[in-house]
Amino acid sequence: MSRGPDAATLLGRALTANAEAAGCPVAVQSADWTRWASATFTGARHMLSLSAPPSPELTAWIAALPEAEIALRGHLLADLSVVAARHARDTITIELEVLTVEER
């Protein structure tokens, strides 16, 4: 029996939905994660690469992303950092590092 999507899948879906709501659709180009634990929490460290066409809405979304409230069922988004936003001809590639923690 399946428990449903993992944190990485939920995170990708939540980020694309959040960007869509901000008027700047993004696509997940790559995503990787590793399990993470401390003495009191368990979760995962995520590395994502997103891409989108340049726009003022995308620029505003990237700037606001570290403080955004992004809900993940069964997980908390503990930290989100924009590592890079690389501009190419018709695309901006956004590199993110995210820490999620499992809710108990």
PDB file of N, CA and C in Angstrom:
ATOM      1  N   MET A   1       0.839  -1.183   0.000  1.00  0.00           N
ATOM      2  CA  MET A   1       0.000   0.000   0.000  1.00  0.00           C
ATOM      3  C   MET A   1       0.887   1.250   0.000  1.00  0.00           C
ATOM      4  N   SER A   2       0.576   2.192  -0.832  1.00  0.00           N
ATOM      5  CA  SER A   2       1.370   3.407  -0.989  1.00  0.00           C
ATOM      6  C   SER A   2       1.017   4.428   0.084  1.00  0.00           C
ATOM      7  N   ARG A   3       2.048   5.104   0.580  1.00  0.00           N
ATOM      8  CA  ARG A   3       1.853   6.170   1.562  1.00  0.00           C
ATOM      9  C   ARG A   3       1.640   7.516   0.894  1.00  0.00           C
ATOM     10  N   GLY A   4       1.717   7.558  -0.402  1.00  0.00           N
ATOM     11  CA  GLY A   4       1.569   8.819  -1.110  1.00  0.00           C
ATOM     12  C   GLY A   4       2.915   9.358  -1.537  1.00  0.00           C
ATOM     13  N   PRO A   5       2.918  10.526  -2.163  1.00  0.00           N
ATOM     14  CA  PRO A   5       4.159  11.097  -2.680  1.00  0.00           C
ATOM     15  C   PRO A   5       5.144  11.427  -1.558  1.00  0.00           C
ATOM     16  N   ASP A   6       6.433  11.320  -1.861  1.00  0.00           N
ATOM     17  CA  ASP A   6       7.463  11.671  -0.882  1.00  0.00           C
ATOM     18  C   ASP A   6       7.649  13.187  -0.834  1.00  0.00           C
ATOM     19  N   ALA A   7       8.493  13.643   0.087  1.00  0.00           N
ATOM     20  CA  ALA A   7       8.709  15.079   0.274  1.00  0.00           C
ATOM     21  C   ALA A   7       9.244  15.742  -0.989  1.00  0.00           C
ATOM     22  N   ALA A   8      10.106  15.064  -1.726  1.00  0.00           N
ATOM     23  CA  ALA A   8      10.676  15.653  -2.941  1.00  0.00           C
ATOM     24  C   ALA A   8       9.598  15.906  -3.988  1.00  0.00           C
ATOM     25  N   THR A   9       8.707  14.950  -4.170  1.00  0.00           N
ATOM     26  CA  THR A   9       7.612  15.114  -5.128  1.00  0.00           C
ATOM     27  C   THR A   9       6.675  16.230  -4.685  1.00  0.00           C
ATOM     28  N   LEU A  10       6.324  16.234  -3.404  1.00  0.00           N
ATOM     29  CA  LEU A  10       5.452  17.278  -2.867  1.00  0.00           C
ATOM     30  C   LEU A  10       6.082  18.657  -3.023  1.00  0.00           C
ATOM     31  N   LEU A  11       7.389  18.740  -2.773  1.00  0.00           N
ATOM     32  CA  LEU A  11       8.091  20.015  -2.880  1.00  0.00           C
ATOM     33  C   LEU A  11       8.067  20.527  -4.317  1.00  0.00           C
ATOM     34  N   GLY A  12       8.369  19.678  -5.273  1.00  0.00           N
ATOM     35  CA  GLY A  12       8.326  20.087  -6.682  1.00  0.00           C
ATOM     36  C   GLY A  12       6.954  20.577  -7.087  1.00  0.00           C
ATOM     37  N   ARG A  13       5.928  19.838  -6.683  1.00  0.00           N
ATOM     38  CA  ARG A  13       4.544  20.236  -7.004  1.00  0.00           C
ATOM     39  C   ARG A  13       4.187  21.564  -6.347  1.00  0.00           C
ATOM     40  N   ALA A  14       4.581  21.731  -5.086  1.00  0.00           N
ATOM     41  CA  ALA A  14       4.244  22.954  -4.356  1.00  0.00           C
ATOM     42  C   ALA A  14       4.948  24.174  -4.954  1.00  0.00           C
ATOM     43  N   LEU A  15       6.204  24.014  -5.337  1.00  0.00           N
ATOM     44  CA  LEU A  15       6.931  25.134  -5.942  1.00  0.00           C
ATOM     45  C   LEU A  15       6.339  25.521  -7.293  1.00  0.00           C
ATOM     46  N   THR A  16       5.991  24.539  -8.112  1.00  0.00           N
ATOM     47  CA  THR A  16       5.407  24.874  -9.413  1.00  0.00           C
ATOM     48  C   THR A  16       4.033  25.524  -9.244  1.00  0.00           C
ATOM     49  N   ALA A  17       3.246  25.059  -8.273  1.00  0.00           N
ATOM     50  CA  ALA A  17       1.933  25.668  -8.016  1.00  0.00           C
ATOM     51  C   ALA A  17       2.089  27.092  -7.488  1.00  0.00           C
ATOM     52  N   ASN A  18       3.066  27.303  -6.608  1.00  0.00           N
ATOM     53  CA  ASN A  18       3.315  28.622  -6.050  1.00  0.00           C
ATOM     54  C   ASN A  18       3.736  29.598  -7.146  1.00  0.00           C
ATOM     55  N   ALA A  19       4.603  29.158  -8.035  1.00  0.00           N
ATOM     56  CA  ALA A  19       5.047  30.007  -9.142  1.00  0.00           C
ATOM     57  C   ALA A  19       3.886  30.311 -10.092  1.00  0.00           C
ATOM     58  N   GLU A  20       3.086  29.304 -10.382  1.00  0.00           N
ATOM     59  CA  GLU A  20       1.915  29.494 -11.256  1.00  0.00           C
ATOM     60  C   GLU A  20       0.987  30.554 -10.665  1.00  0.00           C
ATOM     61  N   ALA A  21       0.741  30.478  -9.354  1.00  0.00           N
ATOM     62  CA  ALA A  21      -0.123  31.450  -8.684  1.00  0.00           C
ATOM     63  C   ALA A  21       0.466  32.861  -8.743  1.00  0.00           C
ATOM     64  N   ALA A  22       1.796  32.949  -8.815  1.00  0.00           N
ATOM     65  CA  ALA A  22       2.467  34.247  -8.904  1.00  0.00           C
ATOM     66  C   ALA A  22       2.553  34.756 -10.345  1.00  0.00           C
ATOM     67  N   GLY A  23       2.049  33.974 -11.282  1.00  0.00           N
ATOM     68  CA  GLY A  23       2.036  34.401 -12.673  1.00  0.00           C
ATOM     69  C   GLY A  23       3.314  34.112 -13.432  1.00  0.00           C
ATOM     70  N   CYS A  24       4.106  33.172 -12.919  1.00  0.00           N
ATOM     71  CA  CYS A  24       5.369  32.852 -13.595  1.00  0.00           C
ATOM     72  C   CYS A  24       5.607  31.340 -13.554  1.00  0.00           C
ATOM     73  N   PRO A  25       4.949  30.603 -14.421  1.00  0.00           N
ATOM     74  CA  PRO A  25       5.096  29.146 -14.411  1.00  0.00           C
ATOM     75  C   PRO A  25       6.562  28.722 -14.539  1.00  0.00           C
ATOM     76  N   VAL A  26       6.947  27.742 -13.731  1.00  0.00           N
ATOM     77  CA  VAL A  26       8.296  27.186 -13.778  1.00  0.00           C
ATOM     78  C   VAL A  26       8.209  25.692 -14.043  1.00  0.00           C
ATOM     79  N   ALA A  27       9.303  25.143 -14.527  1.00  0.00           N
ATOM     80  CA  ALA A  27       9.402  23.699 -14.742  1.00  0.00           C
ATOM     81  C   ALA A  27      10.565  23.170 -13.911  1.00  0.00           C
ATOM     82  N   VAL A  28      10.369  22.033 -13.273  1.00  0.00           N
ATOM     83  CA  VAL A  28      11.447  21.389 -12.534  1.00  0.00           C
ATOM     84  C   VAL A  28      12.336  20.681 -13.550  1.00  0.00           C
ATOM     85  N   GLN A  29      13.598  21.077 -13.606  1.00  0.00           N
ATOM     86  CA  GLN A  29      14.550  20.464 -14.531  1.00  0.00           C
ATOM     87  C   GLN A  29      15.270  19.282 -13.900  1.00  0.00           C
ATOM     88  N   SER A  30      15.590  19.414 -12.628  1.00  0.00           N
ATOM     89  CA  SER A  30      16.224  18.309 -11.908  1.00  0.00           C
ATOM     90  C   SER A  30      15.935  18.472 -10.424  1.00  0.00           C
ATOM     91  N   ALA A  31      15.948  17.340  -9.742  1.00  0.00           N
ATOM     92  CA  ALA A  31      15.710  17.347  -8.300  1.00  0.00           C
ATOM     93  C   ALA A  31      16.441  16.157  -7.697  1.00  0.00           C
ATOM     94  N   ASP A  32      17.091  16.398  -6.582  1.00  0.00           N
ATOM     95  CA  ASP A  32      17.773  15.335  -5.862  1.00  0.00           C
ATOM     96  C   ASP A  32      17.610  15.620  -4.378  1.00  0.00           C
ATOM     97  N   TRP A  33      17.703  14.602  -3.574  1.00  0.00           N
ATOM     98  CA  TRP A  33      17.558  14.797  -2.138  1.00  0.00           C
ATOM     99  C   TRP A  33      18.366  13.741  -1.389  1.00  0.00           C
ATOM    100  N   THR A  34      18.699  14.075  -0.152  1.00  0.00           N
ATOM    101  CA  THR A  34      19.358  13.124   0.745  1.00  0.00           C
ATOM    102  C   THR A  34      18.661  13.202   2.088  1.00  0.00           C
ATOM    103  N   ARG A  35      18.562  12.059   2.755  1.00  0.00           N
ATOM    104  CA  ARG A  35      17.958  12.033   4.084  1.00  0.00           C
ATOM    105  C   ARG A  35      18.810  12.850   5.030  1.00  0.00           C
ATOM    106  N   TRP A  36      18.145  13.427   6.014  1.00  0.00           N
ATOM    107  CA  TRP A  36      18.808  14.276   6.987  1.00  0.00           C
ATOM    108  C   TRP A  36      18.179  14.008   8.342  1.00  0.00           C
ATOM    109  N   ALA A  37      18.980  14.041   9.399  1.00  0.00           N
ATOM    110  CA  ALA A  37      18.434  13.859  10.747  1.00  0.00           C
ATOM    111  C   ALA A  37      19.291  14.610  11.755  1.00  0.00           C
ATOM    112  N   SER A  38      18.621  15.087  12.781  1.00  0.00           N
ATOM    113  CA  SER A  38      19.302  15.664  13.937  1.00  0.00           C
ATOM    114  C   SER A  38      18.858  14.841  15.138  1.00  0.00           C
ATOM    115  N   ALA A  39      19.207  15.274  16.317  1.00  0.00           N
ATOM    116  CA  ALA A  39      18.798  14.536  17.518  1.00  0.00           C
ATOM    117  C   ALA A  39      17.283  14.542  17.703  1.00  0.00           C
ATOM    118  N   THR A  40      16.602  15.543  17.154  1.00  0.00           N
ATOM    119  CA  THR A  40      15.155  15.656  17.378  1.00  0.00           C
ATOM    120  C   THR A  40      14.296  15.636  16.114  1.00  0.00           C
ATOM    121  N   PHE A  41      14.902  15.781  14.937  1.00  0.00           N
ATOM    122  CA  PHE A  41      14.124  15.860  13.706  1.00  0.00           C
ATOM    123  C   PHE A  41      14.675  14.925  12.641  1.00  0.00           C
ATOM    124  N   THR A  42      13.783  14.528  11.727  1.00  0.00           N
ATOM    125  CA  THR A  42      14.211  13.817  10.523  1.00  0.00           C
ATOM    126  C   THR A  42      13.607  14.532   9.319  1.00  0.00           C
ATOM    127  N   GLY A  43      14.289  14.444   8.217  1.00  0.00           N
ATOM    128  CA  GLY A  43      13.791  15.100   7.019  1.00  0.00           C
ATOM    129  C   GLY A  43      14.705  14.842   5.860  1.00  0.00           C
ATOM    130  N   ALA A  44      14.810  15.842   4.980  1.00  0.00           N
ATOM    131  CA  ALA A  44      15.629  15.697   3.782  1.00  0.00           C
ATOM    132  C   ALA A  44      16.187  17.041   3.348  1.00  0.00           C
ATOM    133  N   ARG A  45      17.357  16.985   2.737  1.00  0.00           N
ATOM    134  CA  ARG A  45      17.957  18.142   2.073  1.00  0.00           C
ATOM    135  C   ARG A  45      17.725  17.958   0.580  1.00  0.00           C
ATOM    136  N   HIS A  46      17.170  18.978  -0.042  1.00  0.00           N
ATOM    137  CA  HIS A  46      16.799  18.911  -1.456  1.00  0.00           C
ATOM    138  C   HIS A  46      17.629  19.900  -2.260  1.00  0.00           C
ATOM    139  N   MET A  47      18.001  19.506  -3.464  1.00  0.00           N
ATOM    140  CA  MET A  47      18.637  20.372  -4.438  1.00  0.00           C
ATOM    141  C   MET A  47      17.762  20.326  -5.680  1.00  0.00           C
ATOM    142  N   LEU A  48      17.251  21.483  -6.079  1.00  0.00           N
ATOM    143  CA  LEU A  48      16.365  21.554  -7.241  1.00  0.00           C
ATOM    144  C   LEU A  48      16.881  22.571  -8.240  1.00  0.00           C
ATOM    145  N   SER A  49      16.604  22.284  -9.487  1.00  0.00           N
ATOM    146  CA  SER A  49      16.869  23.214 -10.569  1.00  0.00           C
ATOM    147  C   SER A  49      15.546  23.450 -11.291  1.00  0.00           C
ATOM    148  N   LEU A  50      15.142  24.715 -11.353  1.00  0.00           N
ATOM    149  CA  LEU A  50      13.897  25.103 -12.013  1.00  0.00           C
ATOM    150  C   LEU A  50      14.247  25.994 -13.196  1.00  0.00           C
ATOM    151  N   SER A  51      13.364  26.032 -14.178  1.00  0.00           N
ATOM    152  CA  SER A  51      13.589  26.960 -15.291  1.00  0.00           C
ATOM    153  C   SER A  51      12.276  27.624 -15.675  1.00  0.00           C
ATOM    154  N   ALA A  52      12.421  28.821 -16.241  1.00  0.00           N
ATOM    155  CA  ALA A  52      11.248  29.593 -16.661  1.00  0.00           C
ATOM    156  C   ALA A  52      11.707  30.710 -17.588  1.00  0.00           C
ATOM    157  N   PRO A  53      10.789  31.207 -18.402  1.00  0.00           N
ATOM    158  CA  PRO A  53      11.131  32.376 -19.218  1.00  0.00           C
ATOM    159  C   PRO A  53      11.258  33.607 -18.322  1.00  0.00           C
ATOM    160  N   PRO A  54      12.165  34.518 -18.652  1.00  0.00           N
ATOM    161  CA  PRO A  54      12.321  35.734 -17.855  1.00  0.00           C
ATOM    162  C   PRO A  54      11.046  36.571 -17.857  1.00  0.00           C
ATOM    163  N   SER A  55      10.745  37.160 -16.703  1.00  0.00           N
ATOM    164  CA  SER A  55       9.611  38.077 -16.587  1.00  0.00           C
ATOM    165  C   SER A  55       9.748  38.834 -15.275  1.00  0.00           C
ATOM    166  N   PRO A  56       9.111  39.993 -15.166  1.00  0.00           N
ATOM    167  CA  PRO A  56       9.117  40.713 -13.887  1.00  0.00           C
ATOM    168  C   PRO A  56       8.489  39.875 -12.765  1.00  0.00           C
ATOM    169  N   GLU A  57       7.469  39.081 -13.102  1.00  0.00           N
ATOM    170  CA  GLU A  57       6.814  38.234 -12.095  1.00  0.00           C
ATOM    171  C   GLU A  57       7.776  37.170 -11.567  1.00  0.00           C
ATOM    172  N   LEU A  58       8.585  36.609 -12.469  1.00  0.00           N
ATOM    173  CA  LEU A  58       9.566  35.606 -12.043  1.00  0.00           C
ATOM    174  C   LEU A  58      10.620  36.226 -11.139  1.00  0.00           C
ATOM    175  N   THR A  59      11.099  37.401 -11.500  1.00  0.00           N
ATOM    176  CA  THR A  59      12.095  38.094 -10.674  1.00  0.00           C
ATOM    177  C   THR A  59      11.538  38.343  -9.277  1.00  0.00           C
ATOM    178  N   ALA A  60      10.304  38.802  -9.177  1.00  0.00           N
ATOM    179  CA  ALA A  60       9.672  39.044  -7.874  1.00  0.00           C
ATOM    180  C   ALA A  60       9.481  37.735  -7.110  1.00  0.00           C
ATOM    181  N   TRP A  61       9.087  36.669  -7.804  1.00  0.00           N
ATOM    182  CA  TRP A  61       8.876  35.369  -7.156  1.00  0.00           C
ATOM    183  C   TRP A  61      10.178  34.837  -6.578  1.00  0.00           C
ATOM    184  N   ILE A  62      11.267  34.924  -7.347  1.00  0.00           N
ATOM    185  CA  ILE A  62      12.569  34.457  -6.862  1.00  0.00           C
ATOM    186  C   ILE A  62      12.981  35.235  -5.625  1.00  0.00           C
ATOM    187  N   ALA A  63      12.800  36.540  -5.637  1.00  0.00           N
ATOM    188  CA  ALA A  63      13.187  37.379  -4.496  1.00  0.00           C
ATOM    189  C   ALA A  63      12.384  37.031  -3.244  1.00  0.00           C
ATOM    190  N   ALA A  64      11.103  36.701  -3.415  1.00  0.00           N
ATOM    191  CA  ALA A  64      10.235  36.413  -2.266  1.00  0.00           C
ATOM    192  C   ALA A  64      10.297  34.959  -1.813  1.00  0.00           C
ATOM    193  N   LEU A  65      10.861  34.088  -2.620  1.00  0.00           N
ATOM    194  CA  LEU A  65      10.820  32.654  -2.355  1.00  0.00           C
ATOM    195  C   LEU A  65      11.393  32.229  -1.000  1.00  0.00           C
ATOM    196  N   PRO A  66      12.519  32.767  -0.538  1.00  0.00           N
ATOM    197  CA  PRO A  66      13.039  32.310   0.757  1.00  0.00           C
ATOM    198  C   PRO A  66      12.092  32.553   1.943  1.00  0.00           C
ATOM    199  N   GLU A  67      11.183  33.498   1.819  1.00  0.00           N
ATOM    200  CA  GLU A  67      10.238  33.805   2.900  1.00  0.00           C
ATOM    201  C   GLU A  67       8.835  33.276   2.624  1.00  0.00           C
ATOM    202  N   ALA A  68       8.645  32.591   1.507  1.00  0.00           N
ATOM    203  CA  ALA A  68       7.315  32.127   1.114  1.00  0.00           C
ATOM    204  C   ALA A  68       6.802  31.031   2.044  1.00  0.00           C
ATOM    205  N   GLU A  69       5.508  31.040   2.260  1.00  0.00           N
ATOM    206  CA  GLU A  69       4.835  29.981   3.012  1.00  0.00           C
ATOM    207  C   GLU A  69       4.416  28.913   2.011  1.00  0.00           C
ATOM    208  N   ILE A  70       5.097  27.794   2.036  1.00  0.00           N
ATOM    209  CA  ILE A  70       4.808  26.714   1.096  1.00  0.00           C
ATOM    210  C   ILE A  70       4.451  25.474   1.902  1.00  0.00           C
ATOM    211  N   ALA A  71       3.212  25.039   1.756  1.00  0.00           N
ATOM    212  CA  ALA A  71       2.708  23.903   2.530  1.00  0.00           C
ATOM    213  C   ALA A  71       3.054  22.586   1.838  1.00  0.00           C
ATOM    214  N   LEU A  72       3.502  21.620   2.632  1.00  0.00           N
ATOM    215  CA  LEU A  72       3.795  20.270   2.160  1.00  0.00           C
ATOM    216  C   LEU A  72       3.116  19.289   3.112  1.00  0.00           C
ATOM    217  N   ARG A  73       2.211  18.498   2.607  1.00  0.00           N
ATOM    218  CA  ARG A  73       1.480  17.552   3.453  1.00  0.00           C
ATOM    219  C   ARG A  73       2.459  16.603   4.156  1.00  0.00           C
ATOM    220  N   GLY A  74       2.415  16.603   5.491  1.00  0.00           N
ATOM    221  CA  GLY A  74       3.240  15.705   6.279  1.00  0.00           C
ATOM    222  C   GLY A  74       4.667  16.177   6.497  1.00  0.00           C
ATOM    223  N   HIS A  75       4.992  17.362   5.982  1.00  0.00           N
ATOM    224  CA  HIS A  75       6.353  17.893   6.084  1.00  0.00           C
ATOM    225  C   HIS A  75       6.294  19.394   6.322  1.00  0.00           C
ATOM    226  N   LEU A  76       7.336  19.919   6.902  1.00  0.00           N
ATOM    227  CA  LEU A  76       7.491  21.360   7.055  1.00  0.00           C
ATOM    228  C   LEU A  76       8.657  21.814   6.195  1.00  0.00           C
ATOM    229  N   LEU A  77       8.503  22.913   5.531  1.00  0.00           N
ATOM    230  CA  LEU A  77       9.602  23.503   4.797  1.00  0.00           C
ATOM    231  C   LEU A  77      10.374  24.346   5.808  1.00  0.00           C
ATOM    232  N   ALA A  78      11.512  23.836   6.257  1.00  0.00           N
ATOM    233  CA  ALA A  78      12.270  24.481   7.320  1.00  0.00           C
ATOM    234  C   ALA A  78      13.185  25.588   6.808  1.00  0.00           C
ATOM    235  N   ASP A  79      13.727  25.421   5.607  1.00  0.00           N
ATOM    236  CA  ASP A  79      14.652  26.417   5.072  1.00  0.00           C
ATOM    237  C   ASP A  79      14.678  26.304   3.555  1.00  0.00           C
ATOM    238  N   LEU A  80      14.739  27.450   2.892  1.00  0.00           N
ATOM    239  CA  LEU A  80      14.836  27.484   1.442  1.00  0.00           C
ATOM    240  C   LEU A  80      15.814  28.581   1.064  1.00  0.00           C
ATOM    241  N   SER A  81      16.820  28.224   0.279  1.00  0.00           N
ATOM    242  CA  SER A  81      17.809  29.194  -0.189  1.00  0.00           C
ATOM    243  C   SER A  81      17.867  29.180  -1.706  1.00  0.00           C
ATOM    244  N   VAL A  82      17.889  30.363  -2.287  1.00  0.00           N
ATOM    245  CA  VAL A  82      18.124  30.494  -3.724  1.00  0.00           C
ATOM    246  C   VAL A  82      19.638  30.566  -3.886  1.00  0.00           C
ATOM    247  N   VAL A  83      20.213  29.516  -4.443  1.00  0.00           N
ATOM    248  CA  VAL A  83      21.658  29.430  -4.600  1.00  0.00           C
ATOM    249  C   VAL A  83      22.121  30.238  -5.803  1.00  0.00           C
ATOM    250  N   ALA A  84      21.346  30.181  -6.878  1.00  0.00           N
ATOM    251  CA  ALA A  84      21.719  30.909  -8.094  1.00  0.00           C
ATOM    252  C   ALA A  84      20.490  31.115  -8.967  1.00  0.00           C
ATOM    253  N   ALA A  85      20.536  32.179  -9.747  1.00  0.00           N
ATOM    254  CA  ALA A  85      19.552  32.422 -10.800  1.00  0.00           C
ATOM    255  C   ALA A  85      20.365  32.804 -12.026  1.00  0.00           C
ATOM    256  N   ARG A  86      20.487  31.854 -12.948  1.00  0.00           N
ATOM    257  CA  ARG A  86      21.324  32.041 -14.131  1.00  0.00           C
ATOM    258  C   ARG A  86      20.467  32.436 -15.329  1.00  0.00           C
ATOM    259  N   HIS A  87      20.875  33.508 -15.971  1.00  0.00           N
ATOM    260  CA  HIS A  87      20.144  34.017 -17.131  1.00  0.00           C
ATOM    261  C   HIS A  87      20.806  33.511 -18.407  1.00  0.00           C
ATOM    262  N   ALA A  88      20.020  32.881 -19.248  1.00  0.00           N
ATOM    263  CA  ALA A  88      20.450  32.514 -20.597  1.00  0.00           C
ATOM    264  C   ALA A  88      19.537  33.266 -21.560  1.00  0.00           C
ATOM    265  N   ARG A  89      19.608  32.977 -22.799  1.00  0.00           N
ATOM    266  CA  ARG A  89      18.831  33.717 -23.799  1.00  0.00           C
ATOM    267  C   ARG A  89      17.372  33.897 -23.401  1.00  0.00           C
ATOM    268  N   ASP A  90      16.614  32.822 -23.439  1.00  0.00           N
ATOM    269  CA  ASP A  90      15.174  32.910 -23.177  1.00  0.00           C
ATOM    270  C   ASP A  90      14.764  32.162 -21.922  1.00  0.00           C
ATOM    271  N   THR A  91      15.734  31.872 -21.052  1.00  0.00           N
ATOM    272  CA  THR A  91      15.449  31.057 -19.873  1.00  0.00           C
ATOM    273  C   THR A  91      16.247  31.547 -18.679  1.00  0.00           C
ATOM    274  N   ILE A  92      15.610  31.477 -17.537  1.00  0.00           N
ATOM    275  CA  ILE A  92      16.315  31.666 -16.270  1.00  0.00           C
ATOM    276  C   ILE A  92      16.288  30.319 -15.563  1.00  0.00           C
ATOM    277  N   THR A  93      17.452  29.877 -15.106  1.00  0.00           N
ATOM    278  CA  THR A  93      17.553  28.641 -14.348  1.00  0.00           C
ATOM    279  C   THR A  93      17.784  29.014 -12.887  1.00  0.00           C
ATOM    280  N   ILE A  94      16.945  28.487 -12.017  1.00  0.00           N
ATOM    281  CA  ILE A  94      17.002  28.795 -10.595  1.00  0.00           C
ATOM    282  C   ILE A  94      17.458  27.548  -9.845  1.00  0.00           C
ATOM    283  N   GLU A  95      18.532  27.690  -9.079  1.00  0.00           N
ATOM    284  CA  GLU A  95      19.054  26.587  -8.267  1.00  0.00           C
ATOM    285  C   GLU A  95      18.633  26.828  -6.823  1.00  0.00           C
ATOM    286  N   LEU A  96      17.985  25.832  -6.222  1.00  0.00           N
ATOM    287  CA  LEU A  96      17.490  25.949  -4.851  1.00  0.00           C
ATOM    288  C   LEU A  96      18.076  24.866  -3.970  1.00  0.00           C
ATOM    289  N   GLU A  97      18.291  25.201  -2.713  1.00  0.00           N
ATOM    290  CA  GLU A  97      18.583  24.223  -1.667  1.00  0.00           C
ATOM    291  C   GLU A  97      17.481  24.367  -0.638  1.00  0.00           C
ATOM    292  N   VAL A  98      16.874  23.239  -0.268  1.00  0.00           N
ATOM    293  CA  VAL A  98      15.716  23.256   0.623  1.00  0.00           C
ATOM    294  C   VAL A  98      15.897  22.190   1.684  1.00  0.00           C
ATOM    295  N   LEU A  99      15.496  22.515   2.900  1.00  0.00           N
ATOM    296  CA  LEU A  99      15.468  21.547   3.993  1.00  0.00           C
ATOM    297  C   LEU A  99      14.013  21.324   4.391  1.00  0.00           C
ATOM    298  N   THR A 100      13.574  20.068   4.351  1.00  0.00           N
ATOM    299  CA  THR A 100      12.243  19.722   4.824  1.00  0.00           C
ATOM    300  C   THR A 100      12.371  18.847   6.054  1.00  0.00           C
ATOM    301  N   VAL A 101      11.388  18.961   6.945  1.00  0.00           N
ATOM    302  CA  VAL A 101      11.360  18.185   8.187  1.00  0.00           C
ATOM    303  C   VAL A 101      10.030  17.442   8.237  1.00  0.00           C
ATOM    304  N   GLU A 102      10.080  16.177   8.600  1.00  0.00           N
ATOM    305  CA  GLU A 102       8.860  15.377   8.705  1.00  0.00           C
ATOM    306  C   GLU A 102       8.076  15.804   9.926  1.00  0.00           C
ATOM    307  N   GLU A 103       6.746  15.963   9.727  1.00  0.00           N
ATOM    308  CA  GLU A 103       5.864  16.261  10.854  1.00  0.00           C
ATOM    309  C   GLU A 103       5.591  14.964  11.600  1.00  0.00           C
ATOM    310  N   ARG A 104       5.421  15.068  12.875  1.00  0.00           N
ATOM    311  CA  ARG A 104       5.113  13.866  13.675  1.00  0.00           C
ATOM    312  C   ARG A 104       3.736  13.938  14.219  1.00  0.00           C
TER     313      ARG A 104
END
